[in-house]
Amino acid sequence: MAKLCIWNLVTLDGYFEGEEKWDLEFHGRAWGPELAALSKEFGTTTEMLVFGRVTYEGMKAYWTTTEEDDEVKGFMNGLPKLIASRTITASDWNNTTVTAEIVEDIGRLKQTATKPIRVFGSA
């Protein structure tokens, strides 16, 4: 059975973003060689990425348009993704499935996956 792993950067007072939506400036304070290496490792050791709708929208907007050309961009666009949403039903982001039944779908995926399933962001 695969593990479900959650990776979030959170301030000590519990914030996932700044005062404005998608203000992730504080992430730069934590980012360094160790987190960069971990991100690259996740790309080769991950079965599927899972996002909530809001995180999905931000991730899709960034990773499908960024000029960065590195391993992480390749992983983010190439890995299978499962989006939890009751307001959207489909996505045009590569390898993306949308579900309104996230609990059931994660349960099924955990039974068949051979690598960890990773939730990024999505408080």
PDB file of N, CA and C in Angstrom:
ATOM      1  N   MET A   1       0.842  -1.185   0.000  1.00  0.00           N
ATOM      2  CA  MET A   1       0.000   0.000   0.000  1.00  0.00           C
ATOM      3  C   MET A   1       0.882   1.240   0.000  1.00  0.00           C
ATOM      4  N   ALA A   2       0.566   2.168  -0.865  1.00  0.00           N
ATOM      5  CA  ALA A   2       1.343   3.402  -0.983  1.00  0.00           C
ATOM      6  C   ALA A   2       1.036   4.349   0.175  1.00  0.00           C
ATOM      7  N   LYS A   3       1.998   5.183   0.478  1.00  0.00           N
ATOM      8  CA  LYS A   3       1.809   6.215   1.498  1.00  0.00           C
ATOM      9  C   LYS A   3       1.245   7.468   0.850  1.00  0.00           C
ATOM     10  N   LEU A   4       0.463   8.205   1.595  1.00  0.00           N
ATOM     11  CA  LEU A   4      -0.017   9.528   1.197  1.00  0.00           C
ATOM     12  C   LEU A   4       0.809  10.532   1.993  1.00  0.00           C
ATOM     13  N   CYS A   5       1.618  11.331   1.292  1.00  0.00           N
ATOM     14  CA  CYS A   5       2.531  12.278   1.931  1.00  0.00           C
ATOM     15  C   CYS A   5       2.110  13.696   1.586  1.00  0.00           C
ATOM     16  N   ILE A   6       2.136  14.556   2.583  1.00  0.00           N
ATOM     17  CA  ILE A   6       1.761  15.950   2.378  1.00  0.00           C
ATOM     18  C   ILE A   6       2.992  16.818   2.610  1.00  0.00           C
ATOM     19  N   TRP A   7       3.252  17.720   1.653  1.00  0.00           N
ATOM     20  CA  TRP A   7       4.381  18.625   1.764  1.00  0.00           C
ATOM     21  C   TRP A   7       3.869  20.047   1.643  1.00  0.00           C
ATOM     22  N   ASN A   8       4.010  20.791   2.731  1.00  0.00           N
ATOM     23  CA  ASN A   8       3.582  22.184   2.755  1.00  0.00           C
ATOM     24  C   ASN A   8       4.662  23.043   3.386  1.00  0.00           C
ATOM     25  N   LEU A   9       4.795  24.265   2.906  1.00  0.00           N
ATOM     26  CA  LEU A   9       5.583  25.273   3.588  1.00  0.00           C
ATOM     27  C   LEU A   9       4.585  26.174   4.303  1.00  0.00           C
ATOM     28  N   VAL A  10       4.723  26.257   5.619  1.00  0.00           N
ATOM     29  CA  VAL A  10       3.774  26.990   6.444  1.00  0.00           C
ATOM     30  C   VAL A  10       4.563  27.875   7.403  1.00  0.00           C
ATOM     31  N   THR A  11       4.094  29.108   7.609  1.00  0.00           N
ATOM     32  CA  THR A  11       4.755  29.975   8.581  1.00  0.00           C
ATOM     33  C   THR A  11       4.482  29.446   9.989  1.00  0.00           C
ATOM     34  N   LEU A  12       5.264  29.870  10.942  1.00  0.00           N
ATOM     35  CA  LEU A  12       5.070  29.413  12.317  1.00  0.00           C
ATOM     36  C   LEU A  12       3.702  29.786  12.871  1.00  0.00           C
ATOM     37  N   ASP A  13       3.103  30.847  12.325  1.00  0.00           N
ATOM     38  CA  ASP A  13       1.768  31.227  12.785  1.00  0.00           C
ATOM     39  C   ASP A  13       0.662  30.665  11.893  1.00  0.00           C
ATOM     40  N   GLY A  14       0.993  29.684  11.040  1.00  0.00           N
ATOM     41  CA  GLY A  14      -0.020  28.923  10.330  1.00  0.00           C
ATOM     42  C   GLY A  14      -0.452  29.419   8.967  1.00  0.00           C
ATOM     43  N   TYR A  15       0.318  30.309   8.340  1.00  0.00           N
ATOM     44  CA  TYR A  15      -0.065  30.821   7.029  1.00  0.00           C
ATOM     45  C   TYR A  15       0.603  30.039   5.905  1.00  0.00           C
ATOM     46  N   PHE A  16      -0.170  29.774   4.856  1.00  0.00           N
ATOM     47  CA  PHE A  16       0.336  29.083   3.683  1.00  0.00           C
ATOM     48  C   PHE A  16       0.717  30.063   2.578  1.00  0.00           C
ATOM     49  N   GLU A  17       0.227  31.287   2.678  1.00  0.00           N
ATOM     50  CA  GLU A  17       0.525  32.325   1.689  1.00  0.00           C
ATOM     51  C   GLU A  17       0.462  33.673   2.392  1.00  0.00           C
ATOM     52  N   GLY A  18       0.894  34.716   1.689  1.00  0.00           N
ATOM     53  CA  GLY A  18       0.870  36.063   2.258  1.00  0.00           C
ATOM     54  C   GLY A  18      -0.539  36.642   2.264  1.00  0.00           C
ATOM     55  N   GLU A  19      -0.622  37.946   2.422  1.00  0.00           N
ATOM     56  CA  GLU A  19      -1.930  38.605   2.508  1.00  0.00           C
ATOM     57  C   GLU A  19      -2.711  38.508   1.209  1.00  0.00           C
ATOM     58  N   GLU A  20      -2.020  38.463   0.085  1.00  0.00           N
ATOM     59  CA  GLU A  20      -2.670  38.328  -1.218  1.00  0.00           C
ATOM     60  C   GLU A  20      -2.611  36.868  -1.663  1.00  0.00           C
ATOM     61  N   LYS A  21      -3.634  36.433  -2.397  1.00  0.00           N
ATOM     62  CA  LYS A  21      -3.646  35.069  -2.914  1.00  0.00           C
ATOM     63  C   LYS A  21      -2.398  34.813  -3.752  1.00  0.00           C
ATOM     64  N   TRP A  22      -1.775  33.679  -3.526  1.00  0.00           N
ATOM     65  CA  TRP A  22      -0.563  33.229  -4.205  1.00  0.00           C
ATOM     66  C   TRP A  22       0.662  34.102  -3.919  1.00  0.00           C
ATOM     67  N   ASP A  23       0.641  34.853  -2.813  1.00  0.00           N
ATOM     68  CA  ASP A  23       1.838  35.557  -2.361  1.00  0.00           C
ATOM     69  C   ASP A  23       2.667  34.530  -1.593  1.00  0.00           C
ATOM     70  N   LEU A  24       3.653  33.965  -2.261  1.00  0.00           N
ATOM     71  CA  LEU A  24       4.478  32.910  -1.671  1.00  0.00           C
ATOM     72  C   LEU A  24       5.898  33.395  -1.398  1.00  0.00           C
ATOM     73  N   GLU A  25       6.035  34.687  -1.200  1.00  0.00           N
ATOM     74  CA  GLU A  25       7.354  35.293  -1.002  1.00  0.00           C
ATOM     75  C   GLU A  25       8.104  34.621   0.142  1.00  0.00           C
ATOM     76  N   PHE A  26       7.412  34.237   1.196  1.00  0.00           N
ATOM     77  CA  PHE A  26       8.106  33.640   2.332  1.00  0.00           C
ATOM     78  C   PHE A  26       8.727  32.289   1.988  1.00  0.00           C
ATOM     79  N   HIS A  27       8.263  31.639   0.921  1.00  0.00           N
ATOM     80  CA  HIS A  27       8.866  30.368   0.519  1.00  0.00           C
ATOM     81  C   HIS A  27      10.341  30.551   0.178  1.00  0.00           C
ATOM     82  N   GLY A  28      10.686  31.713  -0.354  1.00  0.00           N
ATOM     83  CA  GLY A  28      12.071  31.998  -0.699  1.00  0.00           C
ATOM     84  C   GLY A  28      12.996  31.991   0.502  1.00  0.00           C
ATOM     85  N   ARG A  29      12.447  32.260   1.675  1.00  0.00           N
ATOM     86  CA  ARG A  29      13.270  32.245   2.893  1.00  0.00           C
ATOM     87  C   ARG A  29      13.636  30.819   3.300  1.00  0.00           C
ATOM     88  N   ALA A  30      12.782  29.871   2.953  1.00  0.00           N
ATOM     89  CA  ALA A  30      13.041  28.471   3.309  1.00  0.00           C
ATOM     90  C   ALA A  30      13.771  27.726   2.197  1.00  0.00           C
ATOM     91  N   TRP A  31      13.652  28.223   0.968  1.00  0.00           N
ATOM     92  CA  TRP A  31      14.188  27.490  -0.184  1.00  0.00           C
ATOM     93  C   TRP A  31      15.703  27.550  -0.212  1.00  0.00           C
ATOM     94  N   GLY A  32      16.300  26.441  -0.525  1.00  0.00           N
ATOM     95  CA  GLY A  32      17.755  26.364  -0.636  1.00  0.00           C
ATOM     96  C   GLY A  32      18.125  25.047  -1.277  1.00  0.00           C
ATOM     97  N   PRO A  33      19.388  24.687  -1.223  1.00  0.00           N
ATOM     98  CA  PRO A  33      19.851  23.459  -1.882  1.00  0.00           C
ATOM     99  C   PRO A  33      19.138  22.194  -1.404  1.00  0.00           C
ATOM    100  N   GLU A  34      18.850  22.117  -0.101  1.00  0.00           N
ATOM    101  CA  GLU A  34      18.200  20.907   0.427  1.00  0.00           C
ATOM    102  C   GLU A  34      16.799  20.736  -0.136  1.00  0.00           C
ATOM    103  N   LEU A  35      15.993  21.804  -0.149  1.00  0.00           N
ATOM    104  CA  LEU A  35      14.631  21.697  -0.689  1.00  0.00           C
ATOM    105  C   LEU A  35      14.646  21.527  -2.206  1.00  0.00           C
ATOM    106  N   ALA A  36      15.612  22.115  -2.868  1.00  0.00           N
ATOM    107  CA  ALA A  36      15.727  21.912  -4.318  1.00  0.00           C
ATOM    108  C   ALA A  36      16.017  20.446  -4.615  1.00  0.00           C
ATOM    109  N   ALA A  37      16.929  19.842  -3.861  1.00  0.00           N
ATOM    110  CA  ALA A  37      17.253  18.426  -4.053  1.00  0.00           C
ATOM    111  C   ALA A  37      16.056  17.542  -3.721  1.00  0.00           C
ATOM    112  N   LEU A  38      15.335  17.889  -2.663  1.00  0.00           N
ATOM    113  CA  LEU A  38      14.146  17.127  -2.289  1.00  0.00           C
ATOM    114  C   LEU A  38      13.090  17.198  -3.387  1.00  0.00           C
ATOM    115  N   SER A  39      12.902  18.364  -3.987  1.00  0.00           N
ATOM    116  CA  SER A  39      11.944  18.519  -5.076  1.00  0.00           C
ATOM    117  C   SER A  39      12.307  17.621  -6.255  1.00  0.00           C
ATOM    118  N   LYS A  40      13.575  17.561  -6.574  1.00  0.00           N
ATOM    119  CA  LYS A  40      14.020  16.711  -7.684  1.00  0.00           C
ATOM    120  C   LYS A  40      13.839  15.230  -7.336  1.00  0.00           C
ATOM    121  N   GLU A  41      14.102  14.883  -6.080  1.00  0.00           N
ATOM    122  CA  GLU A  41      13.898  13.498  -5.640  1.00  0.00           C
ATOM    123  C   GLU A  41      12.422  13.116  -5.731  1.00  0.00           C
ATOM    124  N   PHE A  42      11.539  14.023  -5.330  1.00  0.00           N
ATOM    125  CA  PHE A  42      10.097  13.746  -5.404  1.00  0.00           C
ATOM    126  C   PHE A  42       9.677  13.398  -6.835  1.00  0.00           C
ATOM    127  N   GLY A  43      10.299  14.034  -7.800  1.00  0.00           N
ATOM    128  CA  GLY A  43       9.929  13.793  -9.186  1.00  0.00           C
ATOM    129  C   GLY A  43      10.163  12.366  -9.635  1.00  0.00           C
ATOM    130  N   THR A  44      11.142  11.712  -9.046  1.00  0.00           N
ATOM    131  CA  THR A  44      11.443  10.330  -9.435  1.00  0.00           C
ATOM    132  C   THR A  44      10.843   9.313  -8.478  1.00  0.00           C
ATOM    133  N   THR A  45      10.324   9.760  -7.351  1.00  0.00           N
ATOM    134  CA  THR A  45       9.810   8.828  -6.338  1.00  0.00           C
ATOM    135  C   THR A  45       8.327   9.030  -6.056  1.00  0.00           C
ATOM    136  N   THR A  46       7.610   9.630  -6.981  1.00  0.00           N
ATOM    137  CA  THR A  46       6.205   9.964  -6.760  1.00  0.00           C
ATOM    138  C   THR A  46       5.317   9.264  -7.779  1.00  0.00           C
ATOM    139  N   GLU A  47       4.257   8.653  -7.294  1.00  0.00           N
ATOM    140  CA  GLU A  47       3.278   8.005  -8.161  1.00  0.00           C
ATOM    141  C   GLU A  47       2.345   9.031  -8.794  1.00  0.00           C
ATOM    142  N   MET A  48       1.884   9.966  -7.949  1.00  0.00           N
ATOM    143  CA  MET A  48       0.875  10.933  -8.396  1.00  0.00           C
ATOM    144  C   MET A  48       0.922  12.154  -7.487  1.00  0.00           C
ATOM    145  N   LEU A  49       0.623  13.314  -8.058  1.00  0.00           N
ATOM    146  CA  LEU A  49       0.472  14.548  -7.289  1.00  0.00           C
ATOM    147  C   LEU A  49      -1.011  14.781  -7.051  1.00  0.00           C
ATOM    148  N   VAL A  50      -1.349  15.309  -5.888  1.00  0.00           N
ATOM    149  CA  VAL A  50      -2.736  15.616  -5.550  1.00  0.00           C
ATOM    150  C   VAL A  50      -2.810  17.080  -5.131  1.00  0.00           C
ATOM    151  N   PHE A  51      -3.804  17.779  -5.688  1.00  0.00           N
ATOM    152  CA  PHE A  51      -4.020  19.182  -5.349  1.00  0.00           C
ATOM    153  C   PHE A  51      -5.497  19.409  -5.082  1.00  0.00           C
ATOM    154  N   GLY A  52      -5.785  20.390  -4.237  1.00  0.00           N
ATOM    155  CA  GLY A  52      -7.126  20.944  -4.191  1.00  0.00           C
ATOM    156  C   GLY A  52      -7.279  21.879  -5.389  1.00  0.00           C
ATOM    157  N   ARG A  53      -8.493  22.313  -5.661  1.00  0.00           N
ATOM    158  CA  ARG A  53      -8.742  23.136  -6.843  1.00  0.00           C
ATOM    159  C   ARG A  53      -7.937  24.423  -6.852  1.00  0.00           C
ATOM    160  N   VAL A  54      -7.894  25.129  -5.734  1.00  0.00           N
ATOM    161  CA  VAL A  54      -7.206  26.423  -5.695  1.00  0.00           C
ATOM    162  C   VAL A  54      -5.706  26.248  -5.948  1.00  0.00           C
ATOM    163  N   THR A  55      -5.098  25.267  -5.284  1.00  0.00           N
ATOM    164  CA  THR A  55      -3.679  25.008  -5.509  1.00  0.00           C
ATOM    165  C   THR A  55      -3.443  24.558  -6.937  1.00  0.00           C
ATOM    166  N   TYR A  56      -4.321  23.706  -7.439  1.00  0.00           N
ATOM    167  CA  TYR A  56      -4.223  23.260  -8.837  1.00  0.00           C
ATOM    168  C   TYR A  56      -4.198  24.448  -9.793  1.00  0.00           C
ATOM    169  N   GLU A  57      -5.107  25.402  -9.605  1.00  0.00           N
ATOM    170  CA  GLU A  57      -5.166  26.546 -10.515  1.00  0.00           C
ATOM    171  C   GLU A  57      -3.863  27.333 -10.511  1.00  0.00           C
ATOM    172  N   GLY A  58      -3.297  27.538  -9.329  1.00  0.00           N
ATOM    173  CA  GLY A  58      -2.028  28.260  -9.241  1.00  0.00           C
ATOM    174  C   GLY A  58      -0.869  27.472  -9.815  1.00  0.00           C
ATOM    175  N   MET A  59      -0.815  26.182  -9.507  1.00  0.00           N
ATOM    176  CA  MET A  59       0.261  25.333 -10.018  1.00  0.00           C
ATOM    177  C   MET A  59       0.191  25.230 -11.540  1.00  0.00           C
ATOM    178  N   LYS A  60      -0.985  25.007 -12.071  1.00  0.00           N
ATOM    179  CA  LYS A  60      -1.141  24.888 -13.523  1.00  0.00           C
ATOM    180  C   LYS A  60      -0.715  26.196 -14.200  1.00  0.00           C
ATOM    181  N   ALA A  61      -1.180  27.319 -13.666  1.00  0.00           N
ATOM    182  CA  ALA A  61      -0.833  28.609 -14.263  1.00  0.00           C
ATOM    183  C   ALA A  61       0.680  28.816 -14.280  1.00  0.00           C
ATOM    184  N   TYR A  62       1.353  28.407 -13.209  1.00  0.00           N
ATOM    185  CA  TYR A  62       2.801  28.610 -13.139  1.00  0.00           C
ATOM    186  C   TYR A  62       3.565  27.607 -14.003  1.00  0.00           C
ATOM    187  N   TRP A  63       3.330  26.317 -13.782  1.00  0.00           N
ATOM    188  CA  TRP A  63       4.173  25.297 -14.402  1.00  0.00           C
ATOM    189  C   TRP A  63       3.936  25.132 -15.901  1.00  0.00           C
ATOM    190  N   THR A  64       2.805  25.576 -16.408  1.00  0.00           N
ATOM    191  CA  THR A  64       2.578  25.468 -17.850  1.00  0.00           C
ATOM    192  C   THR A  64       3.074  26.697 -18.608  1.00  0.00           C
ATOM    193  N   THR A  65       3.484  27.743 -17.884  1.00  0.00           N
ATOM    194  CA  THR A  65       3.937  28.959 -18.559  1.00  0.00           C
ATOM    195  C   THR A  65       5.345  29.401 -18.174  1.00  0.00           C
ATOM    196  N   THR A  66       5.921  28.831 -17.116  1.00  0.00           N
ATOM    197  CA  THR A  66       7.226  29.284 -16.655  1.00  0.00           C
ATOM    198  C   THR A  66       8.301  29.077 -17.713  1.00  0.00           C
ATOM    199  N   GLU A  67       9.247  29.997 -17.734  1.00  0.00           N
ATOM    200  CA  GLU A  67      10.385  29.890 -18.632  1.00  0.00           C
ATOM    201  C   GLU A  67      11.472  28.989 -18.051  1.00  0.00           C
ATOM    202  N   GLU A  68      11.322  28.636 -16.753  1.00  0.00           N
ATOM    203  CA  GLU A  68      12.283  27.722 -16.150  1.00  0.00           C
ATOM    204  C   GLU A  68      12.326  26.452 -16.983  1.00  0.00           C
ATOM    205  N   ASP A  69      13.509  25.907 -17.129  1.00  0.00           N
ATOM    206  CA  ASP A  69      13.632  24.673 -17.889  1.00  0.00           C
ATOM    207  C   ASP A  69      14.500  23.728 -17.073  1.00  0.00           C
ATOM    208  N   ASP A  70      13.902  23.130 -16.067  1.00  0.00           N
ATOM    209  CA  ASP A  70      14.661  22.221 -15.226  1.00  0.00           C
ATOM    210  C   ASP A  70      13.853  20.951 -14.953  1.00  0.00           C
ATOM    211  N   GLU A  71      14.428  20.090 -14.146  1.00  0.00           N
ATOM    212  CA  GLU A  71      13.789  18.814 -13.838  1.00  0.00           C
ATOM    213  C   GLU A  71      12.429  18.991 -13.178  1.00  0.00           C
ATOM    214  N   VAL A  72      12.327  19.933 -12.268  1.00  0.00           N
ATOM    215  CA  VAL A  72      11.082  20.107 -11.518  1.00  0.00           C
ATOM    216  C   VAL A  72       9.941  20.467 -12.465  1.00  0.00           C
ATOM    217  N   LYS A  73      10.181  21.342 -13.418  1.00  0.00           N
ATOM    218  CA  LYS A  73       9.151  21.687 -14.395  1.00  0.00           C
ATOM    219  C   LYS A  73       8.708  20.431 -15.146  1.00  0.00           C
ATOM    220  N   GLY A  74       9.652  19.619 -15.542  1.00  0.00           N
ATOM    221  CA  GLY A  74       9.321  18.378 -16.237  1.00  0.00           C
ATOM    222  C   GLY A  74       8.471  17.453 -15.391  1.00  0.00           C
ATOM    223  N   PHE A  75       8.817  17.333 -14.126  1.00  0.00           N
ATOM    224  CA  PHE A  75       8.038  16.479 -13.226  1.00  0.00           C
ATOM    225  C   PHE A  75       6.637  17.028 -13.018  1.00  0.00           C
ATOM    226  N   MET A  76       6.551  18.327 -12.777  1.00  0.00           N
ATOM    227  CA  MET A  76       5.241  18.927 -12.490  1.00  0.00           C
ATOM    228  C   MET A  76       4.299  18.787 -13.682  1.00  0.00           C
ATOM    229  N   ASN A  77       4.821  18.909 -14.871  1.00  0.00           N
ATOM    230  CA  ASN A  77       3.981  18.789 -16.054  1.00  0.00           C
ATOM    231  C   ASN A  77       3.786  17.335 -16.493  1.00  0.00           C
ATOM    232  N   GLY A  78       4.703  16.452 -16.126  1.00  0.00           N
ATOM    233  CA  GLY A  78       4.637  15.085 -16.599  1.00  0.00           C
ATOM    234  C   GLY A  78       3.964  14.087 -15.675  1.00  0.00           C
ATOM    235  N   LEU A  79       4.100  14.285 -14.364  1.00  0.00           N
ATOM    236  CA  LEU A  79       3.518  13.317 -13.426  1.00  0.00           C
ATOM    237  C   LEU A  79       1.993  13.322 -13.493  1.00  0.00           C
ATOM    238  N   PRO A  80       1.373  12.180 -13.229  1.00  0.00           N
ATOM    239  CA  PRO A  80      -0.088  12.164 -13.116  1.00  0.00           C
ATOM    240  C   PRO A  80      -0.529  13.046 -11.946  1.00  0.00           C
ATOM    241  N   LYS A  81      -1.653  13.728 -12.136  1.00  0.00           N
ATOM    242  CA  LYS A  81      -2.175  14.633 -11.118  1.00  0.00           C
ATOM    243  C   LYS A  81      -3.649  14.334 -10.875  1.00  0.00           C
ATOM    244  N   LEU A  82      -4.057  14.387  -9.607  1.00  0.00           N
ATOM    245  CA  LEU A  82      -5.451  14.207  -9.226  1.00  0.00           C
ATOM    246  C   LEU A  82      -5.892  15.483  -8.523  1.00  0.00           C
ATOM    247  N   ILE A  83      -6.976  16.073  -9.018  1.00  0.00           N
ATOM    248  CA  ILE A  83      -7.454  17.345  -8.491  1.00  0.00           C
ATOM    249  C   ILE A  83      -8.775  17.114  -7.770  1.00  0.00           C
ATOM    250  N   ALA A  84      -8.842  17.552  -6.521  1.00  0.00           N
ATOM    251  CA  ALA A  84     -10.080  17.447  -5.747  1.00  0.00           C
ATOM    252  C   ALA A  84     -10.904  18.709  -5.971  1.00  0.00           C
ATOM    253  N   SER A  85     -12.087  18.537  -6.561  1.00  0.00           N
ATOM    254  CA  SER A  85     -12.942  19.701  -6.821  1.00  0.00           C
ATOM    255  C   SER A  85     -14.384  19.277  -7.030  1.00  0.00           C
ATOM    256  N   ARG A  86     -15.271  20.129  -6.548  1.00  0.00           N
ATOM    257  CA  ARG A  86     -16.695  19.969  -6.835  1.00  0.00           C
ATOM    258  C   ARG A  86     -17.182  21.072  -7.777  1.00  0.00           C
ATOM    259  N   THR A  87     -16.253  21.949  -8.192  1.00  0.00           N
ATOM    260  CA  THR A  87     -16.664  23.063  -9.054  1.00  0.00           C
ATOM    261  C   THR A  87     -16.139  22.946 -10.479  1.00  0.00           C
ATOM    262  N   ILE A  88     -15.070  22.182 -10.690  1.00  0.00           N
ATOM    263  CA  ILE A  88     -14.617  21.915 -12.054  1.00  0.00           C
ATOM    264  C   ILE A  88     -14.689  20.401 -12.272  1.00  0.00           C
ATOM    265  N   THR A  89     -14.816  19.991 -13.503  1.00  0.00           N
ATOM    266  CA  THR A  89     -14.950  18.560 -13.784  1.00  0.00           C
ATOM    267  C   THR A  89     -13.883  18.028 -14.733  1.00  0.00           C
ATOM    268  N   ALA A  90     -13.080  18.898 -15.314  1.00  0.00           N
ATOM    269  CA  ALA A  90     -12.061  18.461 -16.263  1.00  0.00           C
ATOM    270  C   ALA A  90     -10.911  19.458 -16.261  1.00  0.00           C
ATOM    271  N   SER A  91      -9.782  19.006 -16.829  1.00  0.00           N
ATOM    272  CA  SER A  91      -8.596  19.857 -16.922  1.00  0.00           C
ATOM    273  C   SER A  91      -7.882  19.578 -18.234  1.00  0.00           C
ATOM    274  N   ASP A  92      -7.225  20.608 -18.755  1.00  0.00           N
ATOM    275  CA  ASP A  92      -6.408  20.413 -19.946  1.00  0.00           C
ATOM    276  C   ASP A  92      -4.915  20.351 -19.603  1.00  0.00           C
ATOM    277  N   TRP A  93      -4.576  20.286 -18.297  1.00  0.00           N
ATOM    278  CA  TRP A  93      -3.187  20.132 -17.891  1.00  0.00           C
ATOM    279  C   TRP A  93      -2.801  18.664 -18.078  1.00  0.00           C
ATOM    280  N   ASN A  94      -1.671  18.428 -18.681  1.00  0.00           N
ATOM    281  CA  ASN A  94      -1.189  17.098 -18.995  1.00  0.00           C
ATOM    282  C   ASN A  94      -1.342  16.130 -17.819  1.00  0.00           C
ATOM    283  N   ASN A  95      -1.866  14.928 -18.090  1.00  0.00           N
ATOM    284  CA  ASN A  95      -1.978  13.846 -17.094  1.00  0.00           C
ATOM    285  C   ASN A  95      -2.793  14.235 -15.865  1.00  0.00           C
ATOM    286  N   THR A  96      -3.868  14.977 -16.036  1.00  0.00           N
ATOM    287  CA  THR A  96      -4.655  15.452 -14.904  1.00  0.00           C
ATOM    288  C   THR A  96      -6.057  14.877 -14.940  1.00  0.00           C
ATOM    289  N   THR A  97      -6.490  14.398 -13.771  1.00  0.00           N
ATOM    290  CA  THR A  97      -7.847  13.900 -13.572  1.00  0.00           C
ATOM    291  C   THR A  97      -8.483  14.726 -12.466  1.00  0.00           C
ATOM    292  N   VAL A  98      -9.739  15.074 -12.631  1.00  0.00           N
ATOM    293  CA  VAL A  98     -10.478  15.838 -11.621  1.00  0.00           C
ATOM    294  C   VAL A  98     -11.496  14.903 -10.985  1.00  0.00           C
ATOM    295  N   THR A  99     -11.630  14.993  -9.669  1.00  0.00           N
ATOM    296  CA  THR A  99     -12.587  14.155  -8.960  1.00  0.00           C
ATOM    297  C   THR A  99     -13.325  14.937  -7.880  1.00  0.00           C
ATOM    298  N   ALA A 100     -14.588  14.624  -7.709  1.00  0.00           N
ATOM    299  CA  ALA A 100     -15.365  15.154  -6.587  1.00  0.00           C
ATOM    300  C   ALA A 100     -15.365  14.155  -5.432  1.00  0.00           C
ATOM    301  N   GLU A 101     -14.807  12.974  -5.672  1.00  0.00           N
ATOM    302  CA  GLU A 101     -14.789  11.890  -4.680  1.00  0.00           C
ATOM    303  C   GLU A 101     -13.354  11.595  -4.254  1.00  0.00           C
ATOM    304  N   ILE A 102     -12.684  12.597  -3.702  1.00  0.00           N
ATOM    305  CA  ILE A 102     -11.257  12.486  -3.416  1.00  0.00           C
ATOM    306  C   ILE A 102     -10.946  11.391  -2.399  1.00  0.00           C
ATOM    307  N   VAL A 103     -11.747  11.248  -1.363  1.00  0.00           N
ATOM    308  CA  VAL A 103     -11.462  10.245  -0.334  1.00  0.00           C
ATOM    309  C   VAL A 103     -11.479   8.839  -0.939  1.00  0.00           C
ATOM    310  N   GLU A 104     -12.508   8.540  -1.693  1.00  0.00           N
ATOM    311  CA  GLU A 104     -12.611   7.218  -2.315  1.00  0.00           C
ATOM    312  C   GLU A 104     -11.490   6.990  -3.330  1.00  0.00           C
ATOM    313  N   ASP A 105     -11.200   8.002  -4.134  1.00  0.00           N
ATOM    314  CA  ASP A 105     -10.167   7.848  -5.157  1.00  0.00           C
ATOM    315  C   ASP A 105      -8.786   7.670  -4.545  1.00  0.00           C
ATOM    316  N   ILE A 106      -8.476   8.415  -3.502  1.00  0.00           N
ATOM    317  CA  ILE A 106      -7.179   8.251  -2.827  1.00  0.00           C
ATOM    318  C   ILE A 106      -7.100   6.852  -2.217  1.00  0.00           C
ATOM    319  N   GLY A 107      -8.175   6.388  -1.615  1.00  0.00           N
ATOM    320  CA  GLY A 107      -8.187   5.041  -1.045  1.00  0.00           C
ATOM    321  C   GLY A 107      -7.877   3.979  -2.081  1.00  0.00           C
ATOM    322  N   ARG A 108      -8.485   4.085  -3.249  1.00  0.00           N
ATOM    323  CA  ARG A 108      -8.215   3.128  -4.328  1.00  0.00           C
ATOM    324  C   ARG A 108      -6.774   3.248  -4.822  1.00  0.00           C
ATOM    325  N   LEU A 109      -6.304   4.482  -4.993  1.00  0.00           N
ATOM    326  CA  LEU A 109      -4.934   4.685  -5.476  1.00  0.00           C
ATOM    327  C   LEU A 109      -3.902   4.116  -4.506  1.00  0.00           C
ATOM    328  N   LYS A 110      -4.123   4.293  -3.227  1.00  0.00           N
ATOM    329  CA  LYS A 110      -3.185   3.772  -2.234  1.00  0.00           C
ATOM    330  C   LYS A 110      -3.052   2.255  -2.335  1.00  0.00           C
ATOM    331  N   GLN A 111      -4.097   1.582  -2.748  1.00  0.00           N
ATOM    332  CA  GLN A 111      -4.071   0.121  -2.859  1.00  0.00           C
ATOM    333  C   GLN A 111      -3.211  -0.350  -4.035  1.00  0.00           C
ATOM    334  N   THR A 112      -3.131   0.434  -5.097  1.00  0.00           N
ATOM    335  CA  THR A 112      -2.446  -0.013  -6.307  1.00  0.00           C
ATOM    336  C   THR A 112      -1.120   0.699  -6.577  1.00  0.00           C
ATOM    337  N   ALA A 113      -0.903   1.853  -5.984  1.00  0.00           N
ATOM    338  CA  ALA A 113       0.316   2.626  -6.248  1.00  0.00           C
ATOM    339  C   ALA A 113       1.542   1.918  -5.673  1.00  0.00           C
ATOM    340  N   THR A 114       2.656   2.085  -6.337  1.00  0.00           N
ATOM    341  CA  THR A 114       3.905   1.495  -5.873  1.00  0.00           C
ATOM    342  C   THR A 114       4.852   2.536  -5.281  1.00  0.00           C
ATOM    343  N   LYS A 115       4.536   3.813  -5.488  1.00  0.00           N
ATOM    344  CA  LYS A 115       5.339   4.918  -4.951  1.00  0.00           C
ATOM    345  C   LYS A 115       4.411   5.808  -4.136  1.00  0.00           C
ATOM    346  N   PRO A 116       4.964   6.703  -3.314  1.00  0.00           N
ATOM    347  CA  PRO A 116       4.121   7.612  -2.542  1.00  0.00           C
ATOM    348  C   PRO A 116       3.267   8.523  -3.426  1.00  0.00           C
ATOM    349  N   ILE A 117       2.099   8.842  -2.929  1.00  0.00           N
ATOM    350  CA  ILE A 117       1.195   9.829  -3.516  1.00  0.00           C
ATOM    351  C   ILE A 117       1.447  11.105  -2.734  1.00  0.00           C
ATOM    352  N   ARG A 118       1.709  12.210  -3.416  1.00  0.00           N
ATOM    353  CA  ARG A 118       2.112  13.432  -2.712  1.00  0.00           C
ATOM    354  C   ARG A 118       1.114  14.563  -2.912  1.00  0.00           C
ATOM    355  N   VAL A 119       0.716  15.155  -1.802  1.00  0.00           N
ATOM    356  CA  VAL A 119      -0.140  16.339  -1.802  1.00  0.00           C
ATOM    357  C   VAL A 119       0.785  17.532  -1.601  1.00  0.00           C
ATOM    358  N   PHE A 120       0.764  18.481  -2.547  1.00  0.00           N
ATOM    359  CA  PHE A 120       1.547  19.704  -2.417  1.00  0.00           C
ATOM    360  C   PHE A 120       0.579  20.856  -2.154  1.00  0.00           C
ATOM    361  N   GLY A 121       0.918  21.693  -1.160  1.00  0.00           N
ATOM    362  CA  GLY A 121       0.034  22.808  -0.849  1.00  0.00           C
ATOM    363  C   GLY A 121      -1.307  22.269  -0.386  1.00  0.00           C
ATOM    364  N   SER A 122      -2.364  22.896  -0.813  1.00  0.00           N
ATOM    365  CA  SER A 122      -3.712  22.365  -0.575  1.00  0.00           C
ATOM    366  C   SER A 122      -4.010  22.183   0.914  1.00  0.00           C
ATOM    367  N   ALA A 123      -3.903  23.292   1.623  1.00  0.00           N
ATOM    368  CA  ALA A 123      -4.159  23.245   3.060  1.00  0.00           C
ATOM    369  C   ALA A 123      -5.528  22.694   3.350  1.00  0.00           C
TER     370      ALA A 123
END
